[in-house]
Amino acid sequence: PGPGDYIVPKHRWSAFHGTYFDTALRSRGTNTIVLCGASTDVGVASTAFAARDLDYNLMIVSDACTSPERDNHEQLMRRIFPRMARVRTTAQVVAMLSR
């Protein structure tokens, strides 16, 4: 973490539940979240559902997420997440942020 970065300890699957994450984002005027993580079908999914419920724009980085249950990962990326987020690869996200 760098100076001015927020550290938000998670207590449950969602990064929003019981944390100040929403307040920290809104205080900075953030309306879009780029989401990745180590457990697609648990932490990533829980955080994504909460972000949508809180009206954030959401981008999920498909190749920066993983799950021990590969079929769960694939189903979420192909069938569930596109209904609520833009699903993109790391290369696509880096290209967008480089503009």
C-alpha atoms as a PDB file:
ATOM      1  CA  PRO A   1       0.000   0.000   0.000  1.00  0.00           C
ATOM      2  CA  GLY A   2       1.088   3.520  -0.733  1.00  0.00           C
ATOM      3  CA  PRO A   3       0.488   6.758   1.103  1.00  0.00           C
ATOM      4  CA  GLY A   4      -3.176   7.626   0.974  1.00  0.00           C
ATOM      5  CA  ASP A   5      -4.242   4.059   0.124  1.00  0.00           C
ATOM      6  CA  TYR A   6      -7.062   2.539   2.127  1.00  0.00           C
ATOM      7  CA  ILE A   7      -6.699  -0.865   3.768  1.00  0.00           C
ATOM      8  CA  VAL A   8     -10.095  -2.491   4.273  1.00  0.00           C
ATOM      9  CA  PRO A   9      -9.965  -5.665   6.392  1.00  0.00           C
ATOM     10  CA  LYS A  10     -12.701  -8.104   5.366  1.00  0.00           C
ATOM     11  CA  HIS A  11     -14.723  -9.898   8.023  1.00  0.00           C
ATOM     12  CA  ARG A  12     -17.081 -11.784   5.709  1.00  0.00           C
ATOM     13  CA  TRP A  13     -17.105 -12.879   2.080  1.00  0.00           C
ATOM     14  CA  SER A  14     -18.147  -9.483   0.725  1.00  0.00           C
ATOM     15  CA  ALA A  15     -15.684  -6.604   0.994  1.00  0.00           C
ATOM     16  CA  PHE A  16     -18.667  -4.378   1.802  1.00  0.00           C
ATOM     17  CA  HIS A  17     -20.176  -6.273   4.732  1.00  0.00           C
ATOM     18  CA  GLY A  18     -19.236  -4.699   8.062  1.00  0.00           C
ATOM     19  CA  THR A  19     -16.475  -2.522   6.560  1.00  0.00           C
ATOM     20  CA  TYR A  20     -16.032   1.112   5.598  1.00  0.00           C
ATOM     21  CA  PHE A  21     -15.349   0.206   1.941  1.00  0.00           C
ATOM     22  CA  ASP A  22     -18.507   1.872   0.579  1.00  0.00           C
ATOM     23  CA  THR A  23     -17.837   5.057   2.583  1.00  0.00           C
ATOM     24  CA  ALA A  24     -14.199   5.166   1.438  1.00  0.00           C
ATOM     25  CA  LEU A  25     -15.201   4.796  -2.220  1.00  0.00           C
ATOM     26  CA  ARG A  26     -18.013   7.342  -2.086  1.00  0.00           C
ATOM     27  CA  SER A  27     -15.858   9.900  -0.241  1.00  0.00           C
ATOM     28  CA  ARG A  28     -13.477   9.764  -3.212  1.00  0.00           C
ATOM     29  CA  GLY A  29     -16.299  10.073  -5.727  1.00  0.00           C
ATOM     30  CA  THR A  30     -15.738   6.550  -7.018  1.00  0.00           C
ATOM     31  CA  ASN A  31     -18.565   5.035  -9.038  1.00  0.00           C
ATOM     32  CA  THR A  32     -16.752   2.182 -10.786  1.00  0.00           C
ATOM     33  CA  ILE A  33     -14.991  -0.825  -9.254  1.00  0.00           C
ATOM     34  CA  VAL A  34     -12.510  -3.079 -11.049  1.00  0.00           C
ATOM     35  CA  LEU A  35     -12.782  -6.380  -9.219  1.00  0.00           C
ATOM     36  CA  CYS A  36     -10.473  -9.401  -9.106  1.00  0.00           C
ATOM     37  CA  GLY A  37      -9.559 -11.958  -6.487  1.00  0.00           C
ATOM     38  CA  ALA A  38      -8.599 -15.422  -5.449  1.00  0.00           C
ATOM     39  CA  SER A  39     -12.022 -16.930  -4.930  1.00  0.00           C
ATOM     40  CA  THR A  40     -14.373 -16.250  -7.835  1.00  0.00           C
ATOM     41  CA  ASP A  41     -17.309 -18.165  -6.412  1.00  0.00           C
ATOM     42  CA  VAL A  42     -17.008 -16.819  -2.854  1.00  0.00           C
ATOM     43  CA  GLY A  43     -15.366 -13.439  -2.196  1.00  0.00           C
ATOM     44  CA  VAL A  44     -15.460 -12.090  -5.742  1.00  0.00           C
ATOM     45  CA  ALA A  45     -19.087 -13.073  -6.282  1.00  0.00           C
ATOM     46  CA  SER A  46     -20.219 -11.772  -2.872  1.00  0.00           C
ATOM     47  CA  THR A  47     -18.458  -8.466  -3.383  1.00  0.00           C
ATOM     48  CA  ALA A  48     -19.796  -8.176  -6.951  1.00  0.00           C
ATOM     49  CA  PHE A  49     -23.401  -8.758  -5.865  1.00  0.00           C
ATOM     50  CA  ALA A  50     -23.054  -6.191  -3.068  1.00  0.00           C
ATOM     51  CA  ALA A  51     -21.445  -3.652  -5.424  1.00  0.00           C
ATOM     52  CA  ARG A  52     -24.343  -3.993  -7.857  1.00  0.00           C
ATOM     53  CA  ASP A  53     -26.863  -3.618  -5.029  1.00  0.00           C
ATOM     54  CA  LEU A  54     -25.070  -0.393  -4.051  1.00  0.00           C
ATOM     55  CA  ASP A  55     -25.281   0.869  -7.669  1.00  0.00           C
ATOM     56  CA  TYR A  56     -21.589   0.766  -8.517  1.00  0.00           C
ATOM     57  CA  ASN A  57     -20.505   0.249 -12.111  1.00  0.00           C
ATOM     58  CA  LEU A  58     -18.560  -2.971 -12.081  1.00  0.00           C
ATOM     59  CA  MET A  59     -15.790  -4.483 -14.155  1.00  0.00           C
ATOM     60  CA  ILE A  60     -14.616  -7.999 -13.342  1.00  0.00           C
ATOM     61  CA  VAL A  61     -11.186  -9.062 -14.560  1.00  0.00           C
ATOM     62  CA  SER A  62     -11.740 -12.653 -15.687  1.00  0.00           C
ATOM     63  CA  ASP A  63      -8.119 -13.832 -15.817  1.00  0.00           C
ATOM     64  CA  ALA A  64      -7.256 -12.127 -12.509  1.00  0.00           C
ATOM     65  CA  CYS A  65      -9.783 -14.275 -10.632  1.00  0.00           C
ATOM     66  CA  THR A  66      -9.581 -17.938  -9.801  1.00  0.00           C
ATOM     67  CA  SER A  67     -11.355 -20.689  -7.948  1.00  0.00           C
ATOM     68  CA  PRO A  68     -10.498 -24.236  -6.914  1.00  0.00           C
ATOM     69  CA  GLU A  69     -13.752 -25.162  -8.625  1.00  0.00           C
ATOM     70  CA  ARG A  70     -12.894 -24.216 -12.219  1.00  0.00           C
ATOM     71  CA  ASP A  71     -16.411 -24.936 -13.493  1.00  0.00           C
ATOM     72  CA  ASN A  72     -17.843 -22.457 -10.943  1.00  0.00           C
ATOM     73  CA  HIS A  73     -15.392 -19.822 -12.165  1.00  0.00           C
ATOM     74  CA  GLU A  74     -16.315 -20.412 -15.799  1.00  0.00           C
ATOM     75  CA  GLN A  75     -20.063 -20.342 -15.137  1.00  0.00           C
ATOM     76  CA  LEU A  76     -19.831 -17.070 -13.227  1.00  0.00           C
ATOM     77  CA  MET A  77     -17.659 -15.422 -15.882  1.00  0.00           C
ATOM     78  CA  ARG A  78     -19.737 -16.643 -18.798  1.00  0.00           C
ATOM     79  CA  ARG A  79     -23.309 -16.668 -17.491  1.00  0.00           C
ATOM     80  CA  ILE A  80     -23.753 -14.639 -14.288  1.00  0.00           C
ATOM     81  CA  PHE A  81     -21.298 -11.737 -14.198  1.00  0.00           C
ATOM     82  CA  PRO A  82     -22.077 -10.423 -17.714  1.00  0.00           C
ATOM     83  CA  ARG A  83     -25.608  -9.669 -16.489  1.00  0.00           C
ATOM     84  CA  MET A  84     -24.272  -7.232 -13.891  1.00  0.00           C
ATOM     85  CA  ALA A  85     -20.780  -6.208 -14.965  1.00  0.00           C
ATOM     86  CA  ARG A  86     -18.382  -5.794 -17.818  1.00  0.00           C
ATOM     87  CA  VAL A  87     -16.209  -8.916 -17.833  1.00  0.00           C
ATOM     88  CA  ARG A  88     -12.796  -8.162 -19.314  1.00  0.00           C
ATOM     89  CA  THR A  89      -9.286  -9.632 -19.386  1.00  0.00           C
ATOM     90  CA  THR A  90      -6.296  -8.016 -17.701  1.00  0.00           C
ATOM     91  CA  ALA A  91      -4.954  -6.892 -21.091  1.00  0.00           C
ATOM     92  CA  GLN A  92      -8.269  -5.217 -21.913  1.00  0.00           C
ATOM     93  CA  VAL A  93      -8.384  -3.416 -18.556  1.00  0.00           C
ATOM     94  CA  VAL A  94      -4.768  -2.241 -18.833  1.00  0.00           C
ATOM     95  CA  ALA A  95      -5.444  -0.949 -22.353  1.00  0.00           C
ATOM     96  CA  MET A  96      -8.526   0.953 -21.151  1.00  0.00           C
ATOM     97  CA  LEU A  97      -6.685   2.474 -18.186  1.00  0.00           C
ATOM     98  CA  SER A  98      -3.739   3.456 -20.406  1.00  0.00           C
ATOM     99  CA  ARG A  99      -5.911   5.720 -22.556  1.00  0.00           C
END
